[in-house]
Amino acid sequence: MVDLYILDRRGRPVPEPDERVWAEAFESDPRWQIDHSEWLSEQGRVTVDTRFLGFDPRRKEERTGVPTLFATAAMLQPSDDGEIPERIDSWLYQSRPAALRGHEQLVRNLSGGGGIAPPGGDGTQ
């Protein structure tokens, strides 16, 4: 069984035992989307998305201490729209501030690395 979490009124993760309440929050709470960046590169569209997950995705034996409830994923959608997006990188975090810093760092890393830089090459939009 996976422990579920939602965000309280102040945006702090709190345990949620009711799967229906969790599902409603997952579908409707815009605060779960923390940051989003995307740009066109020579290889296609690069997307970096950082979210509150609402659960700890680590294997059960790895779940000790503070839960890891935030994640950033970077995807490349090749220029040929028929291709499946490729995961470039993904990171997990234990807090929203760490997730925001990680998002910015991943955008910087990608924008500085050969060929998937956004216009201007500085990671900004």
PDB file of N, CA and C in Angstrom:
ATOM      1  N   MET A   1       0.841  -1.194   0.000  1.00  0.00           N
ATOM      2  CA  MET A   1       0.000   0.000   0.000  1.00  0.00           C
ATOM      3  C   MET A   1       0.878   1.246   0.000  1.00  0.00           C
ATOM      4  N   VAL A   2       0.468   2.219  -0.765  1.00  0.00           N
ATOM      5  CA  VAL A   2       1.186   3.479  -0.889  1.00  0.00           C
ATOM      6  C   VAL A   2       0.523   4.516   0.019  1.00  0.00           C
ATOM      7  N   ASP A   3       1.335   5.262   0.753  1.00  0.00           N
ATOM      8  CA  ASP A   3       0.810   6.364   1.551  1.00  0.00           C
ATOM      9  C   ASP A   3       0.538   7.538   0.621  1.00  0.00           C
ATOM     10  N   LEU A   4      -0.649   8.123   0.741  1.00  0.00           N
ATOM     11  CA  LEU A   4      -1.046   9.237  -0.113  1.00  0.00           C
ATOM     12  C   LEU A   4      -0.983  10.541   0.660  1.00  0.00           C
ATOM     13  N   TYR A   5      -0.701  11.627  -0.061  1.00  0.00           N
ATOM     14  CA  TYR A   5      -0.599  12.956   0.532  1.00  0.00           C
ATOM     15  C   TYR A   5      -1.322  13.952  -0.367  1.00  0.00           C
ATOM     16  N   ILE A   6      -1.866  15.001   0.252  1.00  0.00           N
ATOM     17  CA  ILE A   6      -2.414  16.145  -0.464  1.00  0.00           C
ATOM     18  C   ILE A   6      -1.758  17.380   0.126  1.00  0.00           C
ATOM     19  N   LEU A   7      -2.052  18.544  -0.444  1.00  0.00           N
ATOM     20  CA  LEU A   7      -1.527  19.807   0.076  1.00  0.00           C
ATOM     21  C   LEU A   7      -2.580  20.474   0.938  1.00  0.00           C
ATOM     22  N   ASP A   8      -2.162  20.911   2.136  1.00  0.00           N
ATOM     23  CA  ASP A   8      -3.107  21.620   3.008  1.00  0.00           C
ATOM     24  C   ASP A   8      -3.283  23.058   2.509  1.00  0.00           C
ATOM     25  N   ARG A   9      -4.040  23.858   3.245  1.00  0.00           N
ATOM     26  CA  ARG A   9      -4.332  25.235   2.838  1.00  0.00           C
ATOM     27  C   ARG A   9      -3.074  26.067   2.643  1.00  0.00           C
ATOM     28  N   ARG A  10      -2.028  25.745   3.368  1.00  0.00           N
ATOM     29  CA  ARG A  10      -0.761  26.483   3.254  1.00  0.00           C
ATOM     30  C   ARG A  10       0.190  25.865   2.235  1.00  0.00           C
ATOM     31  N   GLY A  11      -0.248  24.813   1.562  1.00  0.00           N
ATOM     32  CA  GLY A  11       0.575  24.173   0.548  1.00  0.00           C
ATOM     33  C   GLY A  11       1.561  23.153   1.084  1.00  0.00           C
ATOM     34  N   ARG A  12       1.353  22.737   2.332  1.00  0.00           N
ATOM     35  CA  ARG A  12       2.233  21.727   2.939  1.00  0.00           C
ATOM     36  C   ARG A  12       1.647  20.342   2.732  1.00  0.00           C
ATOM     37  N   PRO A  13       2.496  19.355   2.409  1.00  0.00           N
ATOM     38  CA  PRO A  13       1.999  17.985   2.260  1.00  0.00           C
ATOM     39  C   PRO A  13       1.483  17.435   3.584  1.00  0.00           C
ATOM     40  N   VAL A  14       0.316  16.814   3.535  1.00  0.00           N
ATOM     41  CA  VAL A  14      -0.261  16.149   4.702  1.00  0.00           C
ATOM     42  C   VAL A  14      -0.796  14.791   4.256  1.00  0.00           C
ATOM     43  N   PRO A  15      -0.719  13.774   5.122  1.00  0.00           N
ATOM     44  CA  PRO A  15      -1.254  12.451   4.755  1.00  0.00           C
ATOM     45  C   PRO A  15      -2.740  12.522   4.463  1.00  0.00           C
ATOM     46  N   GLU A  16      -3.173  11.718   3.476  1.00  0.00           N
ATOM     47  CA  GLU A  16      -4.596  11.640   3.126  1.00  0.00           C
ATOM     48  C   GLU A  16      -4.991  10.168   2.997  1.00  0.00           C
ATOM     49  N   PRO A  17      -5.735   9.653   3.986  1.00  0.00           N
ATOM     50  CA  PRO A  17      -6.098   8.237   3.951  1.00  0.00           C
ATOM     51  C   PRO A  17      -7.212   7.889   2.952  1.00  0.00           C
ATOM     52  N   ASP A  18      -7.992   8.874   2.538  1.00  0.00           N
ATOM     53  CA  ASP A  18      -9.132   8.628   1.653  1.00  0.00           C
ATOM     54  C   ASP A  18      -8.694   8.765   0.188  1.00  0.00           C
ATOM     55  N   GLU A  19      -8.701   7.662  -0.543  1.00  0.00           N
ATOM     56  CA  GLU A  19      -8.267   7.665  -1.936  1.00  0.00           C
ATOM     57  C   GLU A  19      -9.132   8.569  -2.815  1.00  0.00           C
ATOM     58  N   ARG A  20     -10.423   8.690  -2.486  1.00  0.00           N
ATOM     59  CA  ARG A  20     -11.303   9.564  -3.270  1.00  0.00           C
ATOM     60  C   ARG A  20     -10.920  11.032  -3.092  1.00  0.00           C
ATOM     61  N   VAL A  21     -10.601  11.425  -1.864  1.00  0.00           N
ATOM     62  CA  VAL A  21     -10.175  12.802  -1.607  1.00  0.00           C
ATOM     63  C   VAL A  21      -8.858  13.071  -2.342  1.00  0.00           C
ATOM     64  N   TRP A  22      -7.937  12.105  -2.275  1.00  0.00           N
ATOM     65  CA  TRP A  22      -6.648  12.239  -2.961  1.00  0.00           C
ATOM     66  C   TRP A  22      -6.863  12.387  -4.471  1.00  0.00           C
ATOM     67  N   ALA A  23      -7.712  11.534  -5.055  1.00  0.00           N
ATOM     68  CA  ALA A  23      -7.959  11.581  -6.492  1.00  0.00           C
ATOM     69  C   ALA A  23      -8.556  12.922  -6.914  1.00  0.00           C
ATOM     70  N   GLU A  24      -9.455  13.453  -6.107  1.00  0.00           N
ATOM     71  CA  GLU A  24     -10.046  14.764  -6.404  1.00  0.00           C
ATOM     72  C   GLU A  24      -8.965  15.847  -6.387  1.00  0.00           C
ATOM     73  N   ALA A  25      -8.101  15.822  -5.387  1.00  0.00           N
ATOM     74  CA  ALA A  25      -7.008  16.803  -5.314  1.00  0.00           C
ATOM     75  C   ALA A  25      -6.068  16.639  -6.504  1.00  0.00           C
ATOM     76  N   PHE A  26      -5.745  15.407  -6.851  1.00  0.00           N
ATOM     77  CA  PHE A  26      -4.863  15.122  -7.989  1.00  0.00           C
ATOM     78  C   PHE A  26      -5.428  15.727  -9.269  1.00  0.00           C
ATOM     79  N   GLU A  27      -6.729  15.611  -9.462  1.00  0.00           N
ATOM     80  CA  GLU A  27      -7.374  16.090 -10.680  1.00  0.00           C
ATOM     81  C   GLU A  27      -7.593  17.600 -10.701  1.00  0.00           C
ATOM     82  N   SER A  28      -7.784  18.216  -9.535  1.00  0.00           N
ATOM     83  CA  SER A  28      -8.274  19.590  -9.546  1.00  0.00           C
ATOM     84  C   SER A  28      -7.385  20.636  -8.870  1.00  0.00           C
ATOM     85  N   ASP A  29      -6.403  20.246  -8.078  1.00  0.00           N
ATOM     86  CA  ASP A  29      -5.611  21.240  -7.338  1.00  0.00           C
ATOM     87  C   ASP A  29      -4.445  21.733  -8.205  1.00  0.00           C
ATOM     88  N   PRO A  30      -4.508  22.978  -8.685  1.00  0.00           N
ATOM     89  CA  PRO A  30      -3.448  23.486  -9.563  1.00  0.00           C
ATOM     90  C   PRO A  30      -2.097  23.632  -8.869  1.00  0.00           C
ATOM     91  N   ARG A  31      -2.072  23.601  -7.539  1.00  0.00           N
ATOM     92  CA  ARG A  31      -0.796  23.748  -6.817  1.00  0.00           C
ATOM     93  C   ARG A  31       0.098  22.527  -6.984  1.00  0.00           C
ATOM     94  N   TRP A  32      -0.445  21.422  -7.501  1.00  0.00           N
ATOM     95  CA  TRP A  32       0.382  20.234  -7.730  1.00  0.00           C
ATOM     96  C   TRP A  32       1.376  20.487  -8.859  1.00  0.00           C
ATOM     97  N   GLN A  33       1.047  21.386  -9.779  1.00  0.00           N
ATOM     98  CA  GLN A  33       1.968  21.798 -10.849  1.00  0.00           C
ATOM     99  C   GLN A  33       2.830  22.911 -10.270  1.00  0.00           C
ATOM    100  N   ILE A  34       4.109  22.640 -10.084  1.00  0.00           N
ATOM    101  CA  ILE A  34       4.984  23.599  -9.412  1.00  0.00           C
ATOM    102  C   ILE A  34       5.694  24.505 -10.407  1.00  0.00           C
ATOM    103  N   ASP A  35       6.227  23.935 -11.477  1.00  0.00           N
ATOM    104  CA  ASP A  35       6.913  24.736 -12.495  1.00  0.00           C
ATOM    105  C   ASP A  35       6.882  23.971 -13.810  1.00  0.00           C
ATOM    106  N   HIS A  36       6.934  24.713 -14.897  1.00  0.00           N
ATOM    107  CA  HIS A  36       6.896  24.116 -16.227  1.00  0.00           C
ATOM    108  C   HIS A  36       7.699  25.004 -17.166  1.00  0.00           C
ATOM    109  N   SER A  37       8.620  24.394 -17.909  1.00  0.00           N
ATOM    110  CA  SER A  37       9.401  25.118 -18.914  1.00  0.00           C
ATOM    111  C   SER A  37       9.403  24.282 -20.173  1.00  0.00           C
ATOM    112  N   GLU A  38       9.335  24.950 -21.303  1.00  0.00           N
ATOM    113  CA  GLU A  38       9.479  24.214 -22.557  1.00  0.00           C
ATOM    114  C   GLU A  38      10.012  25.143 -23.626  1.00  0.00           C
ATOM    115  N   TRP A  39      10.702  24.540 -24.594  1.00  0.00           N
ATOM    116  CA  TRP A  39      11.254  25.279 -25.704  1.00  0.00           C
ATOM    117  C   TRP A  39      11.486  24.329 -26.872  1.00  0.00           C
ATOM    118  N   LEU A  40      11.619  24.934 -28.048  1.00  0.00           N
ATOM    119  CA  LEU A  40      11.932  24.155 -29.241  1.00  0.00           C
ATOM    120  C   LEU A  40      13.446  24.099 -29.411  1.00  0.00           C
ATOM    121  N   SER A  41      13.930  22.919 -29.751  1.00  0.00           N
ATOM    122  CA  SER A  41      15.347  22.734 -30.054  1.00  0.00           C
ATOM    123  C   SER A  41      15.454  22.124 -31.444  1.00  0.00           C
ATOM    124  N   GLU A  42      16.670  21.906 -31.891  1.00  0.00           N
ATOM    125  CA  GLU A  42      16.854  21.275 -33.193  1.00  0.00           C
ATOM    126  C   GLU A  42      16.302  19.852 -33.208  1.00  0.00           C
ATOM    127  N   GLN A  43      16.300  19.178 -32.056  1.00  0.00           N
ATOM    128  CA  GLN A  43      15.809  17.799 -31.972  1.00  0.00           C
ATOM    129  C   GLN A  43      14.300  17.703 -31.749  1.00  0.00           C
ATOM    130  N   GLY A  44      13.683  18.780 -31.317  1.00  0.00           N
ATOM    131  CA  GLY A  44      12.256  18.764 -31.045  1.00  0.00           C
ATOM    132  C   GLY A  44      11.903  19.654 -29.864  1.00  0.00           C
ATOM    133  N   ARG A  45      10.748  19.396 -29.246  1.00  0.00           N
ATOM    134  CA  ARG A  45      10.280  20.189 -28.101  1.00  0.00           C
ATOM    135  C   ARG A  45      10.797  19.568 -26.807  1.00  0.00           C
ATOM    136  N   VAL A  46      11.475  20.399 -25.997  1.00  0.00           N
ATOM    137  CA  VAL A  46      11.969  19.984 -24.690  1.00  0.00           C
ATOM    138  C   VAL A  46      10.990  20.499 -23.642  1.00  0.00           C
ATOM    139  N   THR A  47      10.569  19.618 -22.735  1.00  0.00           N
ATOM    140  CA  THR A  47       9.646  19.985 -21.664  1.00  0.00           C
ATOM    141  C   THR A  47      10.258  19.579 -20.333  1.00  0.00           C
ATOM    142  N   VAL A  48      10.288  20.519 -19.383  1.00  0.00           N
ATOM    143  CA  VAL A  48      10.718  20.239 -18.016  1.00  0.00           C
ATOM    144  C   VAL A  48       9.525  20.564 -17.124  1.00  0.00           C
ATOM    145  N   ASP A  49       9.051  19.549 -16.393  1.00  0.00           N
ATOM    146  CA  ASP A  49       7.840  19.667 -15.600  1.00  0.00           C
ATOM    147  C   ASP A  49       8.138  19.250 -14.161  1.00  0.00           C
ATOM    148  N   THR A  50       7.789  20.104 -13.205  1.00  0.00           N
ATOM    149  CA  THR A  50       8.001  19.810 -11.783  1.00  0.00           C
ATOM    150  C   THR A  50       6.656  19.811 -11.085  1.00  0.00           C
ATOM    151  N   ARG A  51       6.407  18.733 -10.319  1.00  0.00           N
ATOM    152  CA  ARG A  51       5.096  18.521  -9.708  1.00  0.00           C
ATOM    153  C   ARG A  51       5.212  17.979  -8.287  1.00  0.00           C
ATOM    154  N   PHE A  52       4.155  18.228  -7.524  1.00  0.00           N
ATOM    155  CA  PHE A  52       3.910  17.503  -6.283  1.00  0.00           C
ATOM    156  C   PHE A  52       3.258  16.199  -6.709  1.00  0.00           C
ATOM    157  N   LEU A  53       3.796  15.064  -6.277  1.00  0.00           N
ATOM    158  CA  LEU A  53       3.301  13.764  -6.721  1.00  0.00           C
ATOM    159  C   LEU A  53       2.110  13.253  -5.915  1.00  0.00           C
ATOM    160  N   GLY A  54       2.098  13.545  -4.623  1.00  0.00           N
ATOM    161  CA  GLY A  54       1.036  13.036  -3.772  1.00  0.00           C
ATOM    162  C   GLY A  54       1.308  11.651  -3.211  1.00  0.00           C
ATOM    163  N   PHE A  55       2.471  11.102  -3.507  1.00  0.00           N
ATOM    164  CA  PHE A  55       2.898   9.812  -2.968  1.00  0.00           C
ATOM    165  C   PHE A  55       4.417   9.732  -3.108  1.00  0.00           C
ATOM    166  N   ASP A  56       5.032   8.837  -2.375  1.00  0.00           N
ATOM    167  CA  ASP A  56       6.472   8.631  -2.437  1.00  0.00           C
ATOM    168  C   ASP A  56       6.747   7.518  -3.443  1.00  0.00           C
ATOM    169  N   PRO A  57       7.388   7.824  -4.586  1.00  0.00           N
ATOM    170  CA  PRO A  57       7.569   6.818  -5.634  1.00  0.00           C
ATOM    171  C   PRO A  57       8.714   5.830  -5.392  1.00  0.00           C
ATOM    172  N   ARG A  58       9.462   6.032  -4.322  1.00  0.00           N
ATOM    173  CA  ARG A  58      10.582   5.126  -4.064  1.00  0.00           C
ATOM    174  C   ARG A  58      10.075   3.746  -3.669  1.00  0.00           C
ATOM    175  N   ARG A  59      10.938   2.734  -3.869  1.00  0.00           N
ATOM    176  CA  ARG A  59      10.591   1.381  -3.428  1.00  0.00           C
ATOM    177  C   ARG A  59      10.380   1.385  -1.921  1.00  0.00           C
ATOM    178  N   LYS A  60       9.538   0.488  -1.455  1.00  0.00           N
ATOM    179  CA  LYS A  60       9.151   0.440  -0.045  1.00  0.00           C
ATOM    180  C   LYS A  60      10.367   0.424   0.887  1.00  0.00           C
ATOM    181  N   GLU A  61      11.369  -0.372   0.562  1.00  0.00           N
ATOM    182  CA  GLU A  61      12.550  -0.472   1.430  1.00  0.00           C
ATOM    183  C   GLU A  61      13.392   0.807   1.440  1.00  0.00           C
ATOM    184  N   GLU A  62      13.167   1.704   0.471  1.00  0.00           N
ATOM    185  CA  GLU A  62      13.895   2.980   0.427  1.00  0.00           C
ATOM    186  C   GLU A  62      13.152   4.097   1.153  1.00  0.00           C
ATOM    187  N   ARG A  63      11.900   3.862   1.515  1.00  0.00           N
ATOM    188  CA  ARG A  63      11.074   4.907   2.131  1.00  0.00           C
ATOM    189  C   ARG A  63      11.339   5.016   3.620  1.00  0.00           C
ATOM    190  N   THR A  64      12.359   5.774   3.959  1.00  0.00           N
ATOM    191  CA  THR A  64      12.667   6.043   5.359  1.00  0.00           C
ATOM    192  C   THR A  64      12.769   7.554   5.538  1.00  0.00           C
ATOM    193  N   GLY A  65      12.432   8.031   6.720  1.00  0.00           N
ATOM    194  CA  GLY A  65      12.532   9.457   6.978  1.00  0.00           C
ATOM    195  C   GLY A  65      11.483  10.259   6.231  1.00  0.00           C
ATOM    196  N   VAL A  66      11.887  11.424   5.772  1.00  0.00           N
ATOM    197  CA  VAL A  66      10.982  12.353   5.091  1.00  0.00           C
ATOM    198  C   VAL A  66      10.579  11.766   3.735  1.00  0.00           C
ATOM    199  N   PRO A  67       9.278  11.750   3.418  1.00  0.00           N
ATOM    200  CA  PRO A  67       8.866  11.208   2.127  1.00  0.00           C
ATOM    201  C   PRO A  67       9.340  12.077   0.957  1.00  0.00           C
ATOM    202  N   THR A  68       9.582  11.452  -0.157  1.00  0.00           N
ATOM    203  CA  THR A  68       9.985  12.134  -1.385  1.00  0.00           C
ATOM    204  C   THR A  68       8.714  12.313  -2.211  1.00  0.00           C
ATOM    205  N   LEU A  69       8.149  13.522  -2.190  1.00  0.00           N
ATOM    206  CA  LEU A  69       6.824  13.759  -2.755  1.00  0.00           C
ATOM    207  C   LEU A  69       6.823  14.693  -3.963  1.00  0.00           C
ATOM    208  N   PHE A  70       7.997  15.146  -4.390  1.00  0.00           N
ATOM    209  CA  PHE A  70       8.095  16.095  -5.492  1.00  0.00           C
ATOM    210  C   PHE A  70       9.036  15.529  -6.549  1.00  0.00           C
ATOM    211  N   ALA A  71       8.771  15.849  -7.815  1.00  0.00           N
ATOM    212  CA  ALA A  71       9.604  15.319  -8.893  1.00  0.00           C
ATOM    213  C   ALA A  71       9.673  16.294 -10.061  1.00  0.00           C
ATOM    214  N   THR A  72      10.804  16.233 -10.762  1.00  0.00           N
ATOM    215  CA  THR A  72      10.986  16.955 -12.015  1.00  0.00           C
ATOM    216  C   THR A  72      11.297  15.930 -13.090  1.00  0.00           C
ATOM    217  N   ALA A  73      10.653  16.054 -14.228  1.00  0.00           N
ATOM    218  CA  ALA A  73      10.936  15.187 -15.374  1.00  0.00           C
ATOM    219  C   ALA A  73      11.195  16.071 -16.590  1.00  0.00           C
ATOM    220  N   ALA A  74      12.202  15.695 -17.361  1.00  0.00           N
ATOM    221  CA  ALA A  74      12.510  16.380 -18.619  1.00  0.00           C
ATOM    222  C   ALA A  74      12.264  15.406 -19.757  1.00  0.00           C
ATOM    223  N   MET A  75      11.522  15.869 -20.755  1.00  0.00           N
ATOM    224  CA  MET A  75      11.159  15.029 -21.896  1.00  0.00           C
ATOM    225  C   MET A  75      11.529  15.744 -23.193  1.00  0.00           C
ATOM    226  N   LEU A  76      11.852  14.941 -24.204  1.00  0.00           N
ATOM    227  CA  LEU A  76      12.099  15.454 -25.547  1.00  0.00           C
ATOM    228  C   LEU A  76      11.076  14.831 -26.479  1.00  0.00           C
ATOM    229  N   GLN A  77      10.249  15.676 -27.081  1.00  0.00           N
ATOM    230  CA  GLN A  77       9.302  15.228 -28.117  1.00  0.00           C
ATOM    231  C   GLN A  77       9.983  15.489 -29.452  1.00  0.00           C
ATOM    232  N   PRO A  78      10.435  14.429 -30.122  1.00  0.00           N
ATOM    233  CA  PRO A  78      11.132  14.628 -31.398  1.00  0.00           C
ATOM    234  C   PRO A  78      10.297  15.450 -32.368  1.00  0.00           C
ATOM    235  N   SER A  79      10.996  16.068 -33.315  1.00  0.00           N
ATOM    236  CA  SER A  79      10.325  16.918 -34.306  1.00  0.00           C
ATOM    237  C   SER A  79       9.254  16.160 -35.076  1.00  0.00           C
ATOM    238  N   ASP A  80       9.455  14.852 -35.258  1.00  0.00           N
ATOM    239  CA  ASP A  80       8.442  14.019 -35.898  1.00  0.00           C
ATOM    240  C   ASP A  80       7.390  13.697 -34.839  1.00  0.00           C
ATOM    241  N   ASP A  81       6.234  14.348 -34.916  1.00  0.00           N
ATOM    242  CA  ASP A  81       5.203  14.202 -33.883  1.00  0.00           C
ATOM    243  C   ASP A  81       4.737  12.770 -33.671  1.00  0.00           C
ATOM    244  N   GLY A  82       5.006  11.871 -34.617  1.00  0.00           N
ATOM    245  CA  GLY A  82       4.578  10.497 -34.475  1.00  0.00           C
ATOM    246  C   GLY A  82       5.421   9.705 -33.499  1.00  0.00           C
ATOM    247  N   GLU A  83       6.574  10.238 -33.110  1.00  0.00           N
ATOM    248  CA  GLU A  83       7.458   9.517 -32.197  1.00  0.00           C
ATOM    249  C   GLU A  83       7.028   9.714 -30.749  1.00  0.00           C
ATOM    250  N   ILE A  84       7.341   8.729 -29.931  1.00  0.00           N
ATOM    251  CA  ILE A  84       7.031   8.785 -28.503  1.00  0.00           C
ATOM    252  C   ILE A  84       8.047   9.691 -27.819  1.00  0.00           C
ATOM    253  N   PRO A  85       7.596  10.570 -26.899  1.00  0.00           N
ATOM    254  CA  PRO A  85       8.555  11.426 -26.178  1.00  0.00           C
ATOM    255  C   PRO A  85       9.590  10.586 -25.436  1.00  0.00           C
ATOM    256  N   GLU A  86      10.804  11.102 -25.395  1.00  0.00           N
ATOM    257  CA  GLU A  86      11.907  10.434 -24.717  1.00  0.00           C
ATOM    258  C   GLU A  86      12.198  11.142 -23.397  1.00  0.00           C
ATOM    259  N   ARG A  87      12.312  10.354 -22.318  1.00  0.00           N
ATOM    260  CA  ARG A  87      12.670  10.943 -21.027  1.00  0.00           C
ATOM    261  C   ARG A  87      14.166  11.258 -21.066  1.00  0.00           C
ATOM    262  N   ILE A  88      14.497  12.514 -20.811  1.00  0.00           N
ATOM    263  CA  ILE A  88      15.884  12.951 -20.810  1.00  0.00           C
ATOM    264  C   ILE A  88      16.482  12.760 -19.416  1.00  0.00           C
ATOM    265  N   ASP A  89      15.726  13.144 -18.390  1.00  0.00           N
ATOM    266  CA  ASP A  89      16.223  13.083 -17.016  1.00  0.00           C
ATOM    267  C   ASP A  89      15.040  13.209 -16.064  1.00  0.00           C
ATOM    268  N   SER A  90      15.221  12.766 -14.831  1.00  0.00           N
ATOM    269  CA  SER A  90      14.211  12.985 -13.797  1.00  0.00           C
ATOM    270  C   SER A  90      14.886  13.013 -12.438  1.00  0.00           C
ATOM    271  N   TRP A  91      14.360  13.863 -11.565  1.00  0.00           N
ATOM    272  CA  TRP A  91      14.897  14.043 -10.224  1.00  0.00           C
ATOM    273  C   TRP A  91      13.753  13.986  -9.222  1.00  0.00           C
ATOM    274  N   LEU A  92      14.046  13.516  -7.988  1.00  0.00           N
ATOM    275  CA  LEU A  92      13.073  13.478  -6.898  1.00  0.00           C
ATOM    276  C   LEU A  92      13.544  14.386  -5.768  1.00  0.00           C
ATOM    277  N   TYR A  93      12.564  14.923  -5.006  1.00  0.00           N
ATOM    278  CA  TYR A  93      12.876  15.862  -3.922  1.00  0.00           C
ATOM    279  C   TYR A  93      11.973  15.612  -2.717  1.00  0.00           C
ATOM    280  N   GLN A  94      12.410  16.106  -1.567  1.00  0.00           N
ATOM    281  CA  GLN A  94      11.637  15.979  -0.341  1.00  0.00           C
ATOM    282  C   GLN A  94      10.891  17.257   0.027  1.00  0.00           C
ATOM    283  N   SER A  95      11.137  18.355  -0.697  1.00  0.00           N
ATOM    284  CA  SER A  95      10.456  19.609  -0.368  1.00  0.00           C
ATOM    285  C   SER A  95      10.192  20.435  -1.622  1.00  0.00           C
ATOM    286  N   ARG A  96       9.226  21.326  -1.514  1.00  0.00           N
ATOM    287  CA  ARG A  96       8.911  22.228  -2.625  1.00  0.00           C
ATOM    288  C   ARG A  96      10.086  23.145  -2.959  1.00  0.00           C
ATOM    289  N   PRO A  97      10.752  23.775  -1.969  1.00  0.00           N
ATOM    290  CA  PRO A  97      11.904  24.619  -2.317  1.00  0.00           C
ATOM    291  C   PRO A  97      13.000  23.841  -3.055  1.00  0.00           C
ATOM    292  N   ALA A  98      13.270  22.624  -2.620  1.00  0.00           N
ATOM    293  CA  ALA A  98      14.276  21.810  -3.314  1.00  0.00           C
ATOM    294  C   ALA A  98      13.818  21.506  -4.738  1.00  0.00           C
ATOM    295  N   ALA A  99      12.522  21.257  -4.923  1.00  0.00           N
ATOM    296  CA  ALA A  99      11.994  20.968  -6.257  1.00  0.00           C
ATOM    297  C   ALA A  99      12.127  22.181  -7.177  1.00  0.00           C
ATOM    298  N   LEU A 100      11.854  23.373  -6.653  1.00  0.00           N
ATOM    299  CA  LEU A 100      12.011  24.594  -7.455  1.00  0.00           C
ATOM    300  C   LEU A 100      13.466  24.800  -7.855  1.00  0.00           C
ATOM    301  N   ARG A 101      14.377  24.614  -6.908  1.00  0.00           N
ATOM    302  CA  ARG A 101      15.810  24.742  -7.222  1.00  0.00           C
ATOM    303  C   ARG A 101      16.231  23.690  -8.248  1.00  0.00           C
ATOM    304  N   GLY A 102      15.745  22.472  -8.072  1.00  0.00           N
ATOM    305  CA  GLY A 102      16.081  21.399  -8.994  1.00  0.00           C
ATOM    306  C   GLY A 102      15.558  21.657 -10.396  1.00  0.00           C
ATOM    307  N   HIS A 103      14.359  22.195 -10.487  1.00  0.00           N
ATOM    308  CA  HIS A 103      13.784  22.537 -11.795  1.00  0.00           C
ATOM    309  C   HIS A 103      14.694  23.534 -12.515  1.00  0.00           C
ATOM    310  N   GLU A 104      15.047  24.601 -11.794  1.00  0.00           N
ATOM    311  CA  GLU A 104      15.911  25.625 -12.384  1.00  0.00           C
ATOM    312  C   GLU A 104      17.258  25.034 -12.799  1.00  0.00           C
ATOM    313  N   GLN A 105      17.818  24.155 -11.966  1.00  0.00           N
ATOM    314  CA  GLN A 105      19.103  23.539 -12.272  1.00  0.00           C
ATOM    315  C   GLN A 105      19.002  22.640 -13.505  1.00  0.00           C
ATOM    316  N   LEU A 106      17.946  21.870 -13.613  1.00  0.00           N
ATOM    317  CA  LEU A 106      17.792  20.977 -14.758  1.00  0.00           C
ATOM    318  C   LEU A 106      17.625  21.787 -16.043  1.00  0.00           C
ATOM    319  N   VAL A 107      16.861  22.867 -15.999  1.00  0.00           N
ATOM    320  CA  VAL A 107      16.730  23.728 -17.175  1.00  0.00           C
ATOM    321  C   VAL A 107      18.095  24.297 -17.552  1.00  0.00           C
ATOM    322  N   ARG A 108      18.866  24.759 -16.557  1.00  0.00           N
ATOM    323  CA  ARG A 108      20.218  25.270 -16.849  1.00  0.00           C
ATOM    324  C   ARG A 108      21.098  24.183 -17.462  1.00  0.00           C
ATOM    325  N   ASN A 109      21.051  22.979 -16.883  1.00  0.00           N
ATOM    326  CA  ASN A 109      21.869  21.876 -17.398  1.00  0.00           C
ATOM    327  C   ASN A 109      21.516  21.564 -18.849  1.00  0.00           C
ATOM    328  N   LEU A 110      20.225  21.481 -19.135  1.00  0.00           N
ATOM    329  CA  LEU A 110      19.801  21.149 -20.487  1.00  0.00           C
ATOM    330  C   LEU A 110      20.110  22.277 -21.457  1.00  0.00           C
ATOM    331  N   SER A 111      19.931  23.494 -21.026  1.00  0.00           N
ATOM    332  CA  SER A 111      20.152  24.620 -21.930  1.00  0.00           C
ATOM    333  C   SER A 111      21.638  24.829 -22.210  1.00  0.00           C
ATOM    334  N   GLY A 112      22.497  24.301 -21.357  1.00  0.00           N
ATOM    335  CA  GLY A 112      23.936  24.425 -21.588  1.00  0.00           C
ATOM    336  C   GLY A 112      24.514  23.237 -22.311  1.00  0.00           C
ATOM    337  N   GLY A 113      23.712  22.213 -22.557  1.00  0.00           N
ATOM    338  CA  GLY A 113      24.231  20.991 -23.157  1.00  0.00           C
ATOM    339  C   GLY A 113      23.750  20.810 -24.571  1.00  0.00           C
ATOM    340  N   GLY A 114      24.645  20.681 -25.453  1.00  0.00           N
ATOM    341  CA  GLY A 114      24.565  20.518 -26.890  1.00  0.00           C
ATOM    342  C   GLY A 114      23.225  20.241 -27.527  1.00  0.00           C
ATOM    343  N   GLY A 115      22.660  21.248 -28.112  1.00  0.00           N
ATOM    344  CA  GLY A 115      21.590  21.039 -29.055  1.00  0.00           C
ATOM    345  C   GLY A 115      20.171  21.103 -28.525  1.00  0.00           C
ATOM    346  N   ILE A 116      19.941  21.126 -27.230  1.00  0.00           N
ATOM    347  CA  ILE A 116      18.560  21.230 -26.768  1.00  0.00           C
ATOM    348  C   ILE A 116      18.319  22.530 -26.010  1.00  0.00           C
ATOM    349  N   ALA A 117      19.184  23.506 -26.291  1.00  0.00           N
ATOM    350  CA  ALA A 117      19.071  24.807 -25.640  1.00  0.00           C
ATOM    351  C   ALA A 117      17.867  25.588 -26.165  1.00  0.00           C
ATOM    352  N   PRO A 118      17.236  26.355 -25.278  1.00  0.00           N
ATOM    353  CA  PRO A 118      16.156  27.225 -25.724  1.00  0.00           C
ATOM    354  C   PRO A 118      16.739  28.401 -26.527  1.00  0.00           C
ATOM    355  N   PRO A 119      15.906  29.146 -27.231  1.00  0.00           N
ATOM    356  CA  PRO A 119      16.404  30.319 -27.936  1.00  0.00           C
ATOM    357  C   PRO A 119      17.195  31.211 -26.975  1.00  0.00           C
ATOM    358  N   GLY A 120      18.357  31.631 -27.376  1.00  0.00           N
ATOM    359  CA  GLY A 120      19.222  32.441 -26.523  1.00  0.00           C
ATOM    360  C   GLY A 120      20.158  31.579 -25.698  1.00  0.00           C
ATOM    361  N   GLY A 121      19.829  30.302 -25.494  1.00  0.00           N
ATOM    362  CA  GLY A 121      20.706  29.351 -24.833  1.00  0.00           C
ATOM    363  C   GLY A 121      20.911  29.575 -23.356  1.00  0.00           C
ATOM    364  N   ASP A 122      20.083  30.404 -22.711  1.00  0.00           N
ATOM    365  CA  ASP A 122      20.336  30.713 -21.303  1.00  0.00           C
ATOM    366  C   ASP A 122      19.339  30.063 -20.341  1.00  0.00           C
ATOM    367  N   GLY A 123      18.414  29.253 -20.835  1.00  0.00           N
ATOM    368  CA  GLY A 123      17.451  28.584 -19.976  1.00  0.00           C
ATOM    369  C   GLY A 123      16.269  29.431 -19.586  1.00  0.00           C
ATOM    370  N   THR A 124      16.196  30.640 -20.094  1.00  0.00           N
ATOM    371  CA  THR A 124      15.061  31.503 -19.750  1.00  0.00           C
ATOM    372  C   THR A 124      14.053  31.492 -20.891  1.00  0.00           C
ATOM    373  N   GLN A 125      12.845  31.940 -20.590  1.00  0.00           N
ATOM    374  CA  GLN A 125      11.814  31.997 -21.630  1.00  0.00           C
ATOM    375  C   GLN A 125      11.163  33.357 -21.646  1.00  0.00           C
TER     376      GLN A 125
END
